Amino acid sequence: LPKNNTAANGSASTIQDAVVAYCTARGLPVTAGDVTVSQSETVSVGARQMGVSTITVSIDVDMITPGGTALAGGPVTVVGEAVFRNLY
């Protein structure tokens, strides 16, 4: 992914596009609408606050049993999240 800074290469839409490309290349059906980028989060590191970006991906998938049968009840929402230090 590009550096998560305020320049064009680290914009939320650029990060979304990179996440979509990464997931698509690995066979995961992700669209930009499935990716949320928040670049204004903070975490405490000792007595200091550090700016971080949180990238969340949510997709609906059909759960399939080892026998190849879809589970009843419809798709399940799977969520993944990554947090990165802001470099600006």
C-alpha atoms as a PDB file:
ATOM      1  CA  LEU A   1       0.000   0.000   0.000  1.00  0.00           C
ATOM      2  CA  PRO A   2       1.120   3.577  -0.526  1.00  0.00           C
ATOM      3  CA  LYS A   3       2.332   5.629   2.405  1.00  0.00           C
ATOM      4  CA  ASN A   4      -0.653   6.835   4.384  1.00  0.00           C
ATOM      5  CA  ASN A   5       0.048  10.562   4.231  1.00  0.00           C
ATOM      6  CA  THR A   6      -1.997  13.503   3.046  1.00  0.00           C
ATOM      7  CA  ALA A   7      -0.344  13.603  -0.392  1.00  0.00           C
ATOM      8  CA  ALA A   8      -2.261  12.167  -3.349  1.00  0.00           C
ATOM      9  CA  ASN A   9      -0.451   8.810  -3.061  1.00  0.00           C
ATOM     10  CA  GLY A  10      -1.898   8.291   0.421  1.00  0.00           C
ATOM     11  CA  SER A  11      -5.442   9.501  -0.130  1.00  0.00           C
ATOM     12  CA  ALA A  12      -8.292   7.345   1.129  1.00  0.00           C
ATOM     13  CA  SER A  13      -9.383   6.520  -2.432  1.00  0.00           C
ATOM     14  CA  THR A  14      -5.830   5.484  -3.406  1.00  0.00           C
ATOM     15  CA  ILE A  15      -5.644   3.199  -0.376  1.00  0.00           C
ATOM     16  CA  GLN A  16      -9.097   1.751  -1.191  1.00  0.00           C
ATOM     17  CA  ASP A  17      -7.982   1.046  -4.763  1.00  0.00           C
ATOM     18  CA  ALA A  18      -4.815  -0.686  -3.514  1.00  0.00           C
ATOM     19  CA  VAL A  19      -6.811  -2.848  -1.083  1.00  0.00           C
ATOM     20  CA  VAL A  20      -9.287  -3.815  -3.825  1.00  0.00           C
ATOM     21  CA  ALA A  21      -6.444  -4.707  -6.210  1.00  0.00           C
ATOM     22  CA  TYR A  22      -4.681  -6.761  -3.503  1.00  0.00           C
ATOM     23  CA  CYS A  23      -7.841  -8.691  -2.590  1.00  0.00           C
ATOM     24  CA  THR A  24      -8.939  -9.196  -6.192  1.00  0.00           C
ATOM     25  CA  ALA A  25      -5.531 -10.636  -7.113  1.00  0.00           C
ATOM     26  CA  ARG A  26      -6.083 -13.199  -4.357  1.00  0.00           C
ATOM     27  CA  GLY A  27      -9.609 -14.173  -5.398  1.00  0.00           C
ATOM     28  CA  LEU A  28     -11.536 -12.158  -2.797  1.00  0.00           C
ATOM     29  CA  PRO A  29     -14.601 -10.355  -4.182  1.00  0.00           C
ATOM     30  CA  VAL A  30     -13.945  -6.879  -2.728  1.00  0.00           C
ATOM     31  CA  THR A  31     -15.172  -3.546  -4.122  1.00  0.00           C
ATOM     32  CA  ALA A  32     -14.244  -0.013  -3.044  1.00  0.00           C
ATOM     33  CA  GLY A  33     -17.596   0.132  -1.224  1.00  0.00           C
ATOM     34  CA  ASP A  34     -16.425  -2.750   0.994  1.00  0.00           C
ATOM     35  CA  VAL A  35     -13.337  -0.806   2.135  1.00  0.00           C
ATOM     36  CA  THR A  36     -13.427   1.936   4.770  1.00  0.00           C
ATOM     37  CA  VAL A  37     -10.373   4.110   5.384  1.00  0.00           C
ATOM     38  CA  SER A  38     -10.150   6.340   8.466  1.00  0.00           C
ATOM     39  CA  GLN A  39      -6.959   8.384   8.596  1.00  0.00           C
ATOM     40  CA  SER A  40      -7.752  10.355  11.747  1.00  0.00           C
ATOM     41  CA  GLU A  41      -7.548   7.734  14.502  1.00  0.00           C
ATOM     42  CA  THR A  42      -5.180   7.956  17.477  1.00  0.00           C
ATOM     43  CA  VAL A  43      -3.657   5.417  19.838  1.00  0.00           C
ATOM     44  CA  SER A  44      -1.784   5.905  23.089  1.00  0.00           C
ATOM     45  CA  VAL A  45       1.882   4.985  23.115  1.00  0.00           C
ATOM     46  CA  GLY A  46       3.074   5.527  26.634  1.00  0.00           C
ATOM     47  CA  ALA A  47       2.116   9.092  27.523  1.00  0.00           C
ATOM     48  CA  ARG A  48       1.910  10.204  23.876  1.00  0.00           C
ATOM     49  CA  GLN A  49      -0.850  10.063  21.269  1.00  0.00           C
ATOM     50  CA  MET A  50       0.106   8.739  17.841  1.00  0.00           C
ATOM     51  CA  GLY A  51      -1.914   9.244  14.641  1.00  0.00           C
ATOM     52  CA  VAL A  52      -2.928   6.042  12.861  1.00  0.00           C
ATOM     53  CA  SER A  53      -5.040   4.976   9.907  1.00  0.00           C
ATOM     54  CA  THR A  54      -7.554   2.167  10.165  1.00  0.00           C
ATOM     55  CA  ILE A  55      -8.523   0.184   7.080  1.00  0.00           C
ATOM     56  CA  THR A  56     -11.606  -2.023   7.422  1.00  0.00           C
ATOM     57  CA  VAL A  57     -12.840  -4.513   4.817  1.00  0.00           C
ATOM     58  CA  SER A  58     -16.324  -6.048   5.137  1.00  0.00           C
ATOM     59  CA  ILE A  59     -17.631  -8.642   2.686  1.00  0.00           C
ATOM     60  CA  ASP A  60     -20.586 -11.010   2.665  1.00  0.00           C
ATOM     61  CA  VAL A  61     -19.669 -14.619   1.910  1.00  0.00           C
ATOM     62  CA  ASP A  62     -21.624 -17.832   1.708  1.00  0.00           C
ATOM     63  CA  MET A  63     -20.320 -20.325   4.228  1.00  0.00           C
ATOM     64  CA  ILE A  64     -19.783 -23.746   2.661  1.00  0.00           C
ATOM     65  CA  THR A  65     -19.384 -26.998   4.540  1.00  0.00           C
ATOM     66  CA  PRO A  66     -16.552 -29.416   3.718  1.00  0.00           C
ATOM     67  CA  GLY A  67     -19.080 -31.371   1.646  1.00  0.00           C
ATOM     68  CA  GLY A  68     -19.693 -28.339  -0.577  1.00  0.00           C
ATOM     69  CA  THR A  69     -23.143 -27.455   0.758  1.00  0.00           C
ATOM     70  CA  ALA A  70     -23.946 -23.829   1.610  1.00  0.00           C
ATOM     71  CA  LEU A  71     -25.063 -23.303   5.190  1.00  0.00           C
ATOM     72  CA  ALA A  72     -28.662 -22.202   5.696  1.00  0.00           C
ATOM     73  CA  GLY A  73     -29.351 -18.624   6.698  1.00  0.00           C
ATOM     74  CA  GLY A  74     -27.635 -16.805   3.855  1.00  0.00           C
ATOM     75  CA  PRO A  75     -24.286 -15.081   3.690  1.00  0.00           C
ATOM     76  CA  VAL A  76     -22.148 -14.172   6.684  1.00  0.00           C
ATOM     77  CA  THR A  77     -20.390 -10.806   6.962  1.00  0.00           C
ATOM     78  CA  VAL A  78     -16.624 -11.222   7.361  1.00  0.00           C
ATOM     79  CA  VAL A  79     -14.676  -8.200   8.641  1.00  0.00           C
ATOM     80  CA  GLY A  80     -10.936  -7.598   8.578  1.00  0.00           C
ATOM     81  CA  GLU A  81      -9.162  -4.580  10.001  1.00  0.00           C
ATOM     82  CA  ALA A  82      -5.610  -3.235   9.846  1.00  0.00           C
ATOM     83  CA  VAL A  83      -4.121  -0.276  11.713  1.00  0.00           C
ATOM     84  CA  PHE A  84      -1.052   1.582  10.430  1.00  0.00           C
ATOM     85  CA  ARG A  85       0.943   4.473  11.873  1.00  0.00           C
ATOM     86  CA  ASN A  86       0.473   7.721   9.981  1.00  0.00           C
ATOM     87  CA  LEU A  87       3.758   8.855   8.475  1.00  0.00           C
ATOM     88  CA  TYR A  88       2.925  12.544   8.348  1.00  0.00           C
END
